[in-house]
Each structure stands twice: as structure tokens, then as C-alpha cells.
Amino acid sequence: MGHQGLEQHRRILGILFIVINGLSVLIAVGVMLSFGVMGGMLPSAKPEERALIVAVGMGAGGCLALLGLPGVITGFGLLNRKAWSRTLTLVLGILAIPNVPLGTALGAYALWFYLQPGSDQVFDT
């Protein structure tokens, strides 16, 4: 595969990392907002029960956001040809494989990209 083809695959991989992991971040925000609203709308609940509901939502949403943000950052690194994104893409791609179906596809595509001869030449040093 030529250099131009690898450049295109690097860009596609970057966009996919941003979109797929961006969905995780959006879901995280939705979880936090949902639990925050639920905690505020339960008139029969005691204040400590409401606080617990909000805390659980913030914790769950925060964990989801922490899982998605590195992938978004990696995607921008890929789009900007940053050398550090090469290693992160490989690590996050492998970690994404058990996340069926989108993570599996993303991980397989990342591994395929890095097995191509010359894939290391599409990054700035």
C-alpha cells in the first residue's frame, strides 16, 4: 500500500477514534445529567438520599468520561500526525477489542493499520 493510502487510513482511524470515544463522553454527560435531575426531582426522598443518587450518577458518568477522553485525544493526535498518538492508538485499540461491536471493529482496524509496512512513516517525528 502506498504512502498516500496509509495517510488516508491514518485520517480515517483518527476520525473513528474521535467519534466512537466521543459517544462515550456524550453518554457520560447524559448519565450525569439524568442522575442529577432524578436526584432533584424526588420530593419524597431525604436530602441524603438525593445526594447519594447524584453522587452515584456523577461517579458512573465520570468513569465513562475517563474511559472516552483518552480515545478522543488520541484521535486528534492521529489527525495532527503526532508521533505519541501511534503508541496510544495501538494500546487503546487493543483495549477496545472486547467492547463489541464498535470497539472490536476499531481495535481490529487499528491493528491492521499498524501491521502495514510503512505505517510508522505517516507521523511527524
N, C-alpha and C. Protein backbone atom coordinates (compact mmCIF):
# COMPACT_ATOMS: atom_id res chain seq x y z
N MET A 1 0.85 -1.17 0.00
CA MET A 1 0.00 0.00 0.00
C MET A 1 0.90 1.23 0.00
N GLY A 2 0.53 2.21 -0.77
CA GLY A 2 1.35 3.41 -0.89
C GLY A 2 1.22 4.35 0.29
N HIS A 3 2.11 5.32 0.32
CA HIS A 3 2.14 6.31 1.39
C HIS A 3 0.81 7.07 1.45
N GLN A 4 0.26 7.39 0.28
CA GLN A 4 -1.00 8.15 0.23
C GLN A 4 -2.15 7.34 0.83
N GLY A 5 -2.18 6.04 0.55
CA GLY A 5 -3.22 5.18 1.13
C GLY A 5 -3.12 5.10 2.64
N LEU A 6 -1.89 5.01 3.15
CA LEU A 6 -1.69 4.97 4.60
C LEU A 6 -2.09 6.29 5.25
N GLU A 7 -1.82 7.40 4.57
CA GLU A 7 -2.24 8.71 5.08
C GLU A 7 -3.76 8.76 5.24
N GLN A 8 -4.45 8.24 4.24
CA GLN A 8 -5.91 8.24 4.30
C GLN A 8 -6.40 7.35 5.44
N HIS A 9 -5.80 6.20 5.62
CA HIS A 9 -6.20 5.31 6.71
C HIS A 9 -5.88 5.92 8.07
N ARG A 10 -4.78 6.67 8.19
CA ARG A 10 -4.45 7.36 9.44
C ARG A 10 -5.55 8.37 9.78
N ARG A 11 -5.99 9.11 8.77
CA ARG A 11 -7.05 10.11 8.99
C ARG A 11 -8.37 9.43 9.39
N ILE A 12 -8.72 8.35 8.67
CA ILE A 12 -9.96 7.63 8.98
C ILE A 12 -9.91 7.08 10.40
N LEU A 13 -8.77 6.50 10.77
CA LEU A 13 -8.61 5.95 12.12
C LEU A 13 -8.75 7.06 13.16
N GLY A 14 -8.18 8.22 12.90
CA GLY A 14 -8.31 9.35 13.82
C GLY A 14 -9.76 9.78 13.99
N ILE A 15 -10.48 9.87 12.88
CA ILE A 15 -11.90 10.26 12.94
C ILE A 15 -12.71 9.22 13.70
N LEU A 16 -12.44 7.94 13.44
CA LEU A 16 -13.16 6.89 14.15
C LEU A 16 -12.89 6.93 15.66
N PHE A 17 -11.65 7.18 16.04
CA PHE A 17 -11.33 7.28 17.46
C PHE A 17 -12.11 8.44 18.10
N ILE A 18 -12.19 9.56 17.41
CA ILE A 18 -12.92 10.72 17.96
C ILE A 18 -14.41 10.42 18.07
N VAL A 19 -15.00 9.86 17.02
CA VAL A 19 -16.44 9.61 17.00
C VAL A 19 -16.84 8.55 18.03
N ILE A 20 -16.17 7.41 18.00
CA ILE A 20 -16.56 6.31 18.89
C ILE A 20 -16.34 6.67 20.36
N ASN A 21 -15.19 7.27 20.66
CA ASN A 21 -14.93 7.65 22.05
C ASN A 21 -15.71 8.89 22.45
N GLY A 22 -16.01 9.75 21.48
CA GLY A 22 -16.86 10.91 21.75
C GLY A 22 -18.25 10.49 22.17
N LEU A 23 -18.74 9.38 21.61
CA LEU A 23 -20.04 8.85 22.04
C LEU A 23 -20.01 8.44 23.50
N SER A 24 -18.91 7.87 23.94
CA SER A 24 -18.77 7.51 25.36
C SER A 24 -18.83 8.75 26.24
N VAL A 25 -18.18 9.81 25.80
CA VAL A 25 -18.18 11.05 26.58
C VAL A 25 -19.59 11.64 26.61
N LEU A 26 -20.30 11.61 25.48
CA LEU A 26 -21.68 12.13 25.45
C LEU A 26 -22.60 11.30 26.36
N ILE A 27 -22.44 10.00 26.34
CA ILE A 27 -23.23 9.14 27.22
C ILE A 27 -22.91 9.46 28.68
N ALA A 28 -21.65 9.72 28.97
CA ALA A 28 -21.25 10.08 30.34
C ALA A 28 -21.95 11.35 30.79
N VAL A 29 -22.00 12.34 29.92
CA VAL A 29 -22.67 13.60 30.26
C VAL A 29 -24.16 13.33 30.47
N GLY A 30 -24.76 12.49 29.62
CA GLY A 30 -26.17 12.14 29.78
C GLY A 30 -26.45 11.44 31.09
N VAL A 31 -25.58 10.53 31.49
CA VAL A 31 -25.75 9.82 32.77
C VAL A 31 -25.68 10.82 33.92
N MET A 32 -24.70 11.71 33.88
CA MET A 32 -24.56 12.69 34.97
C MET A 32 -25.78 13.60 35.04
N LEU A 33 -26.24 14.07 33.89
CA LEU A 33 -27.42 14.95 33.89
C LEU A 33 -28.67 14.20 34.35
N SER A 34 -28.85 12.97 33.89
CA SER A 34 -30.03 12.19 34.27
C SER A 34 -30.09 11.96 35.78
N PHE A 35 -28.98 11.54 36.34
CA PHE A 35 -28.96 11.28 37.78
C PHE A 35 -29.09 12.59 38.57
N GLY A 36 -28.53 13.65 38.04
CA GLY A 36 -28.67 14.95 38.71
C GLY A 36 -30.12 15.40 38.75
N VAL A 37 -30.82 15.23 37.63
CA VAL A 37 -32.24 15.60 37.56
C VAL A 37 -33.06 14.68 38.45
N MET A 38 -32.77 13.37 38.39
CA MET A 38 -33.51 12.42 39.24
C MET A 38 -33.33 12.76 40.72
N GLY A 39 -32.11 13.08 41.09
CA GLY A 39 -31.84 13.41 42.49
C GLY A 39 -32.60 14.65 42.94
N GLY A 40 -32.81 15.58 42.04
CA GLY A 40 -33.51 16.80 42.38
C GLY A 40 -35.02 16.69 42.30
N MET A 41 -35.52 15.69 41.61
CA MET A 41 -36.97 15.59 41.36
C MET A 41 -37.69 14.59 42.26
N LEU A 42 -37.00 14.02 43.21
CA LEU A 42 -37.66 13.07 44.10
C LEU A 42 -38.11 13.78 45.38
N PRO A 43 -39.33 14.28 45.39
CA PRO A 43 -39.77 15.07 46.54
C PRO A 43 -39.88 14.26 47.83
N SER A 44 -40.14 12.96 47.71
CA SER A 44 -40.31 12.16 48.92
C SER A 44 -38.97 11.67 49.49
N ALA A 45 -37.90 11.86 48.76
CA ALA A 45 -36.59 11.38 49.21
C ALA A 45 -35.97 12.36 50.20
N LYS A 46 -35.23 11.82 51.12
CA LYS A 46 -34.50 12.64 52.08
C LYS A 46 -33.31 13.29 51.37
N PRO A 47 -32.81 14.38 51.91
CA PRO A 47 -31.67 15.07 51.27
C PRO A 47 -30.45 14.17 51.07
N GLU A 48 -30.18 13.30 52.05
CA GLU A 48 -29.01 12.43 51.89
C GLU A 48 -29.24 11.37 50.81
N GLU A 49 -30.50 10.96 50.61
CA GLU A 49 -30.81 10.01 49.53
C GLU A 49 -30.63 10.68 48.17
N ARG A 50 -31.08 11.91 48.07
CA ARG A 50 -30.89 12.67 46.82
C ARG A 50 -29.41 12.87 46.53
N ALA A 51 -28.67 13.19 47.56
CA ALA A 51 -27.21 13.39 47.38
C ALA A 51 -26.54 12.10 46.93
N LEU A 52 -27.00 10.97 47.47
CA LEU A 52 -26.44 9.68 47.07
C LEU A 52 -26.73 9.38 45.60
N ILE A 53 -27.95 9.66 45.16
CA ILE A 53 -28.32 9.44 43.75
C ILE A 53 -27.44 10.30 42.84
N VAL A 54 -27.28 11.55 43.20
CA VAL A 54 -26.44 12.46 42.39
C VAL A 54 -24.99 11.97 42.40
N ALA A 55 -24.50 11.55 43.56
CA ALA A 55 -23.11 11.08 43.66
C ALA A 55 -22.88 9.83 42.82
N VAL A 56 -23.83 8.91 42.82
CA VAL A 56 -23.70 7.70 42.01
C VAL A 56 -23.67 8.07 40.53
N GLY A 57 -24.54 8.97 40.13
CA GLY A 57 -24.56 9.41 38.73
C GLY A 57 -23.28 10.10 38.32
N MET A 58 -22.77 10.95 39.19
CA MET A 58 -21.52 11.65 38.88
C MET A 58 -20.35 10.67 38.82
N GLY A 59 -20.35 9.70 39.71
CA GLY A 59 -19.28 8.69 39.71
C GLY A 59 -19.31 7.83 38.46
N ALA A 60 -20.50 7.34 38.11
CA ALA A 60 -20.64 6.49 36.92
C ALA A 60 -20.32 7.29 35.66
N GLY A 61 -20.86 8.49 35.57
CA GLY A 61 -20.59 9.34 34.41
C GLY A 61 -19.12 9.74 34.32
N GLY A 62 -18.53 10.01 35.47
CA GLY A 62 -17.10 10.36 35.48
C GLY A 62 -16.23 9.22 35.00
N CYS A 63 -16.58 8.00 35.40
CA CYS A 63 -15.81 6.82 34.94
C CYS A 63 -15.95 6.65 33.43
N LEU A 64 -17.16 6.81 32.91
CA LEU A 64 -17.35 6.71 31.46
C LEU A 64 -16.56 7.78 30.72
N ALA A 65 -16.57 8.99 31.26
CA ALA A 65 -15.82 10.08 30.61
C ALA A 65 -14.33 9.79 30.64
N LEU A 66 -13.83 9.26 31.75
CA LEU A 66 -12.40 8.93 31.84
C LEU A 66 -12.01 7.83 30.86
N LEU A 67 -12.95 6.97 30.52
CA LEU A 67 -12.67 5.92 29.54
C LEU A 67 -12.69 6.47 28.11
N GLY A 68 -13.51 7.47 27.85
CA GLY A 68 -13.64 8.01 26.50
C GLY A 68 -12.65 9.09 26.13
N LEU A 69 -12.26 9.90 27.09
CA LEU A 69 -11.39 11.04 26.79
C LEU A 69 -10.04 10.67 26.18
N PRO A 70 -9.35 9.64 26.66
CA PRO A 70 -8.07 9.29 26.02
C PRO A 70 -8.22 8.94 24.54
N GLY A 71 -9.32 8.31 24.18
CA GLY A 71 -9.55 7.97 22.78
C GLY A 71 -9.79 9.20 21.92
N VAL A 72 -10.51 10.18 22.47
CA VAL A 72 -10.74 11.43 21.74
C VAL A 72 -9.41 12.15 21.53
N ILE A 73 -8.60 12.21 22.58
CA ILE A 73 -7.29 12.86 22.48
C ILE A 73 -6.41 12.14 21.47
N THR A 74 -6.45 10.81 21.50
CA THR A 74 -5.67 10.02 20.54
C THR A 74 -6.13 10.29 19.11
N GLY A 75 -7.42 10.41 18.91
CA GLY A 75 -7.94 10.71 17.58
C GLY A 75 -7.42 12.03 17.05
N PHE A 76 -7.41 13.06 17.90
CA PHE A 76 -6.86 14.36 17.47
C PHE A 76 -5.36 14.25 17.21
N GLY A 77 -4.66 13.44 18.00
CA GLY A 77 -3.24 13.22 17.75
C GLY A 77 -3.00 12.56 16.40
N LEU A 78 -3.84 11.59 16.05
CA LEU A 78 -3.73 10.94 14.74
C LEU A 78 -3.97 11.93 13.61
N LEU A 79 -5.00 12.75 13.76
CA LEU A 79 -5.31 13.72 12.71
C LEU A 79 -4.19 14.74 12.52
N ASN A 80 -3.48 15.03 13.60
CA ASN A 80 -2.39 16.01 13.55
C ASN A 80 -1.02 15.37 13.38
N ARG A 81 -0.99 14.08 13.05
CA ARG A 81 0.24 13.34 12.76
C ARG A 81 1.24 13.34 13.92
N LYS A 82 0.76 13.35 15.14
CA LYS A 82 1.64 13.37 16.32
C LYS A 82 2.21 11.97 16.56
N ALA A 83 3.51 11.90 16.78
CA ALA A 83 4.18 10.61 16.97
C ALA A 83 3.67 9.89 18.21
N TRP A 84 3.33 10.62 19.28
CA TRP A 84 2.86 9.98 20.50
C TRP A 84 1.54 9.26 20.30
N SER A 85 0.75 9.67 19.30
CA SER A 85 -0.55 9.04 19.09
C SER A 85 -0.41 7.63 18.53
N ARG A 86 0.74 7.33 17.95
CA ARG A 86 0.97 5.99 17.40
C ARG A 86 0.89 4.93 18.51
N THR A 87 1.61 5.15 19.60
CA THR A 87 1.60 4.20 20.71
C THR A 87 0.23 4.14 21.38
N LEU A 88 -0.37 5.31 21.61
CA LEU A 88 -1.68 5.33 22.26
C LEU A 88 -2.74 4.63 21.41
N THR A 89 -2.66 4.80 20.10
CA THR A 89 -3.62 4.14 19.22
C THR A 89 -3.52 2.64 19.34
N LEU A 90 -2.30 2.15 19.36
CA LEU A 90 -2.11 0.71 19.47
C LEU A 90 -2.63 0.18 20.81
N VAL A 91 -2.30 0.85 21.89
CA VAL A 91 -2.73 0.41 23.23
C VAL A 91 -4.25 0.50 23.35
N LEU A 92 -4.83 1.66 22.99
CA LEU A 92 -6.28 1.82 23.12
C LEU A 92 -7.04 0.94 22.14
N GLY A 93 -6.46 0.68 20.97
CA GLY A 93 -7.09 -0.23 20.02
C GLY A 93 -7.18 -1.64 20.58
N ILE A 94 -6.12 -2.11 21.19
CA ILE A 94 -6.13 -3.44 21.79
C ILE A 94 -7.12 -3.49 22.96
N LEU A 95 -7.13 -2.45 23.79
CA LEU A 95 -8.07 -2.42 24.92
C LEU A 95 -9.52 -2.32 24.47
N ALA A 96 -9.77 -1.79 23.28
CA ALA A 96 -11.13 -1.63 22.78
C ALA A 96 -11.72 -2.91 22.22
N ILE A 97 -10.89 -3.89 21.90
CA ILE A 97 -11.37 -5.10 21.23
C ILE A 97 -12.52 -5.80 21.97
N PRO A 98 -12.49 -5.94 23.30
CA PRO A 98 -13.62 -6.61 23.97
C PRO A 98 -14.93 -5.82 23.95
N ASN A 99 -14.89 -4.55 23.57
CA ASN A 99 -16.08 -3.70 23.54
C ASN A 99 -16.83 -3.91 22.22
N VAL A 100 -17.63 -4.98 22.18
CA VAL A 100 -18.35 -5.38 20.97
C VAL A 100 -19.51 -4.43 20.74
N PRO A 101 -19.82 -4.01 19.55
CA PRO A 101 -19.21 -4.27 18.25
C PRO A 101 -18.25 -3.15 17.81
N LEU A 102 -18.51 -1.91 18.27
CA LEU A 102 -17.71 -0.79 17.76
C LEU A 102 -16.25 -0.86 18.18
N GLY A 103 -16.01 -1.21 19.43
CA GLY A 103 -14.63 -1.30 19.91
C GLY A 103 -13.86 -2.40 19.20
N THR A 104 -14.54 -3.51 18.93
CA THR A 104 -13.90 -4.61 18.22
C THR A 104 -13.48 -4.18 16.83
N ALA A 105 -14.37 -3.50 16.13
CA ALA A 105 -14.05 -3.02 14.79
C ALA A 105 -12.92 -1.99 14.84
N LEU A 106 -12.98 -1.07 15.79
CA LEU A 106 -11.95 -0.04 15.91
C LEU A 106 -10.60 -0.67 16.24
N GLY A 107 -10.58 -1.61 17.18
CA GLY A 107 -9.34 -2.28 17.55
C GLY A 107 -8.75 -3.08 16.40
N ALA A 108 -9.60 -3.80 15.67
CA ALA A 108 -9.12 -4.58 14.53
C ALA A 108 -8.55 -3.66 13.45
N TYR A 109 -9.20 -2.54 13.20
CA TYR A 109 -8.72 -1.59 12.19
C TYR A 109 -7.39 -0.98 12.63
N ALA A 110 -7.27 -0.64 13.91
CA ALA A 110 -6.01 -0.08 14.41
C ALA A 110 -4.88 -1.09 14.27
N LEU A 111 -5.13 -2.35 14.63
CA LEU A 111 -4.10 -3.38 14.49
C LEU A 111 -3.73 -3.60 13.02
N TRP A 112 -4.74 -3.63 12.16
CA TRP A 112 -4.47 -3.81 10.73
C TRP A 112 -3.59 -2.67 10.22
N PHE A 113 -3.93 -1.44 10.62
CA PHE A 113 -3.17 -0.28 10.16
C PHE A 113 -1.70 -0.40 10.56
N TYR A 114 -1.44 -0.80 11.80
CA TYR A 114 -0.06 -0.87 12.28
C TYR A 114 0.71 -2.06 11.75
N LEU A 115 0.03 -3.03 11.18
CA LEU A 115 0.72 -4.15 10.57
C LEU A 115 1.13 -3.86 9.12
N GLN A 116 0.66 -2.73 8.59
CA GLN A 116 1.02 -2.36 7.23
C GLN A 116 2.45 -1.82 7.19
N PRO A 117 3.25 -2.28 6.22
CA PRO A 117 4.61 -1.73 6.09
C PRO A 117 4.55 -0.23 5.80
N GLY A 118 5.34 0.54 6.52
CA GLY A 118 5.40 1.98 6.32
C GLY A 118 4.40 2.77 7.15
N SER A 119 3.62 2.09 7.99
CA SER A 119 2.63 2.82 8.79
C SER A 119 3.29 3.79 9.76
N ASP A 120 4.53 3.54 10.12
CA ASP A 120 5.24 4.45 11.03
C ASP A 120 5.71 5.71 10.32
N GLN A 121 5.65 5.75 9.01
CA GLN A 121 6.15 6.90 8.25
C GLN A 121 5.09 7.99 8.03
N VAL A 122 3.86 7.77 8.50
CA VAL A 122 2.81 8.77 8.30
C VAL A 122 2.65 9.68 9.51
N PHE A 123 3.66 9.67 10.38
CA PHE A 123 3.63 10.52 11.57
C PHE A 123 4.83 11.45 11.55
N ASP A 124 4.64 12.64 12.14
CA ASP A 124 5.77 13.56 12.32
C ASP A 124 6.62 13.05 13.47
N THR A 125 7.91 13.26 13.39
CA THR A 125 8.79 12.79 14.48
C THR A 125 9.07 13.91 15.46
